[in-house]
């Protein structure tokens, strides 16, 4: 990683994202599972832990990584 540290990941897709960030340039830092957000949908309260926080020289990204087969219709909210 450009941050000169090792970064944990749970899925192959997360590893692939870390490699892409490394080659994208302008990466300042990467933090794994930086925060949990709580939000209300029309039906209920939900919690979600994001996968990565990635500040770059161009902007800041909060990134959630999932394999396509794990994305449910309610996740698109």
C-alpha atoms as a PDB file:
ATOM      1  CA  UNK A   1       0.000   0.000   0.000  1.00  0.00           C
ATOM      2  CA  UNK A   2       1.128   3.535  -0.588  1.00  0.00           C
ATOM      3  CA  UNK A   3       0.646   4.183   3.127  1.00  0.00           C
ATOM      4  CA  UNK A   4       3.658   1.907   3.875  1.00  0.00           C
ATOM      5  CA  UNK A   5       1.516  -0.227   6.221  1.00  0.00           C
ATOM      6  CA  UNK A   6      -0.326  -3.502   5.879  1.00  0.00           C
ATOM      7  CA  UNK A   7      -4.123  -3.304   5.632  1.00  0.00           C
ATOM      8  CA  UNK A   8      -6.600  -5.985   6.597  1.00  0.00           C
ATOM      9  CA  UNK A   9      -9.400  -7.199   4.391  1.00  0.00           C
ATOM     10  CA  UNK A  10     -12.118  -9.849   4.668  1.00  0.00           C
ATOM     11  CA  UNK A  11     -12.840 -10.644   1.014  1.00  0.00           C
ATOM     12  CA  UNK A  12     -10.926 -10.934  -2.221  1.00  0.00           C
ATOM     13  CA  UNK A  13     -12.909  -7.964  -3.579  1.00  0.00           C
ATOM     14  CA  UNK A  14     -11.580  -5.783  -0.748  1.00  0.00           C
ATOM     15  CA  UNK A  15      -8.020  -6.865  -1.540  1.00  0.00           C
ATOM     16  CA  UNK A  16      -8.584  -5.944  -5.194  1.00  0.00           C
ATOM     17  CA  UNK A  17      -9.841  -2.511  -4.144  1.00  0.00           C
ATOM     18  CA  UNK A  18      -6.719  -1.927  -2.024  1.00  0.00           C
ATOM     19  CA  UNK A  19      -4.519  -2.782  -5.023  1.00  0.00           C
ATOM     20  CA  UNK A  20      -6.536  -0.409  -7.232  1.00  0.00           C
ATOM     21  CA  UNK A  21      -6.195   2.386  -4.652  1.00  0.00           C
ATOM     22  CA  UNK A  22      -2.460   1.782  -4.531  1.00  0.00           C
ATOM     23  CA  UNK A  23      -2.153   2.331  -8.275  1.00  0.00           C
ATOM     24  CA  UNK A  24      -4.652   5.197  -8.429  1.00  0.00           C
ATOM     25  CA  UNK A  25      -2.148   7.658  -6.966  1.00  0.00           C
ATOM     26  CA  UNK A  26      -2.920  10.612  -4.731  1.00  0.00           C
ATOM     27  CA  UNK A  27      -3.761   8.225  -1.872  1.00  0.00           C
ATOM     28  CA  UNK A  28      -2.960   9.762   1.511  1.00  0.00           C
ATOM     29  CA  UNK A  29      -4.233   7.086   3.911  1.00  0.00           C
ATOM     30  CA  UNK A  30      -6.481   4.039   4.180  1.00  0.00           C
ATOM     31  CA  UNK A  31      -8.336   2.924   7.287  1.00  0.00           C
ATOM     32  CA  UNK A  32     -10.165  -0.409   7.445  1.00  0.00           C
ATOM     33  CA  UNK A  33     -13.674  -0.447   8.950  1.00  0.00           C
ATOM     34  CA  UNK A  34     -13.403   3.167  10.122  1.00  0.00           C
ATOM     35  CA  UNK A  35     -16.938   3.659  11.410  1.00  0.00           C
ATOM     36  CA  UNK A  36     -20.412   2.286  11.788  1.00  0.00           C
ATOM     37  CA  UNK A  37     -23.329   4.338  10.558  1.00  0.00           C
ATOM     38  CA  UNK A  38     -26.868   4.122  11.893  1.00  0.00           C
ATOM     39  CA  UNK A  39     -29.746   5.245   9.710  1.00  0.00           C
ATOM     40  CA  UNK A  40     -33.472   4.884   9.456  1.00  0.00           C
ATOM     41  CA  UNK A  41     -35.269   3.476   6.442  1.00  0.00           C
ATOM     42  CA  UNK A  42     -39.031   3.562   5.932  1.00  0.00           C
ATOM     43  CA  UNK A  43     -39.243   0.180   7.709  1.00  0.00           C
ATOM     44  CA  UNK A  44     -36.638   0.221  10.509  1.00  0.00           C
ATOM     45  CA  UNK A  45     -33.338   1.436  11.907  1.00  0.00           C
ATOM     46  CA  UNK A  46     -30.262  -0.126  10.288  1.00  0.00           C
ATOM     47  CA  UNK A  47     -26.559  -0.290  11.162  1.00  0.00           C
ATOM     48  CA  UNK A  48     -23.765  -0.658   8.673  1.00  0.00           C
ATOM     49  CA  UNK A  49     -19.981  -0.756   9.038  1.00  0.00           C
ATOM     50  CA  UNK A  50     -18.172   0.718   6.061  1.00  0.00           C
ATOM     51  CA  UNK A  51     -15.134  -1.133   4.688  1.00  0.00           C
ATOM     52  CA  UNK A  52     -12.642   1.665   4.059  1.00  0.00           C
ATOM     53  CA  UNK A  53     -11.963   5.354   4.614  1.00  0.00           C
ATOM     54  CA  UNK A  54      -9.586   6.611   1.925  1.00  0.00           C
ATOM     55  CA  UNK A  55      -8.547  10.271   1.904  1.00  0.00           C
ATOM     56  CA  UNK A  56      -6.770  11.269  -1.302  1.00  0.00           C
ATOM     57  CA  UNK A  57      -5.321  14.545  -2.520  1.00  0.00           C
ATOM     58  CA  UNK A  58      -8.414  14.878  -4.736  1.00  0.00           C
ATOM     59  CA  UNK A  59     -11.058  14.113  -2.083  1.00  0.00           C
ATOM     60  CA  UNK A  60     -12.240  11.750   0.622  1.00  0.00           C
ATOM     61  CA  UNK A  61     -13.926   8.392  -0.015  1.00  0.00           C
ATOM     62  CA  UNK A  62     -16.015   6.177   2.258  1.00  0.00           C
ATOM     63  CA  UNK A  63     -16.060   2.828   0.486  1.00  0.00           C
ATOM     64  CA  UNK A  64     -18.258  -0.234   0.897  1.00  0.00           C
ATOM     65  CA  UNK A  65     -17.157  -3.351  -1.006  1.00  0.00           C
ATOM     66  CA  UNK A  66     -19.422  -6.321  -1.725  1.00  0.00           C
ATOM     67  CA  UNK A  67     -19.448  -9.141  -4.226  1.00  0.00           C
ATOM     68  CA  UNK A  68     -22.340  -8.650  -6.650  1.00  0.00           C
ATOM     69  CA  UNK A  69     -24.155 -11.761  -5.386  1.00  0.00           C
ATOM     70  CA  UNK A  70     -24.317 -10.292  -1.844  1.00  0.00           C
ATOM     71  CA  UNK A  71     -26.012  -7.033  -2.875  1.00  0.00           C
ATOM     72  CA  UNK A  72     -29.665  -7.158  -1.916  1.00  0.00           C
ATOM     73  CA  UNK A  73     -32.328  -4.726  -3.180  1.00  0.00           C
ATOM     74  CA  UNK A  74     -32.537  -3.082   0.264  1.00  0.00           C
ATOM     75  CA  UNK A  75     -28.768  -2.446   0.170  1.00  0.00           C
ATOM     76  CA  UNK A  76     -29.166  -0.072  -2.753  1.00  0.00           C
ATOM     77  CA  UNK A  77     -30.741   2.516  -0.477  1.00  0.00           C
END
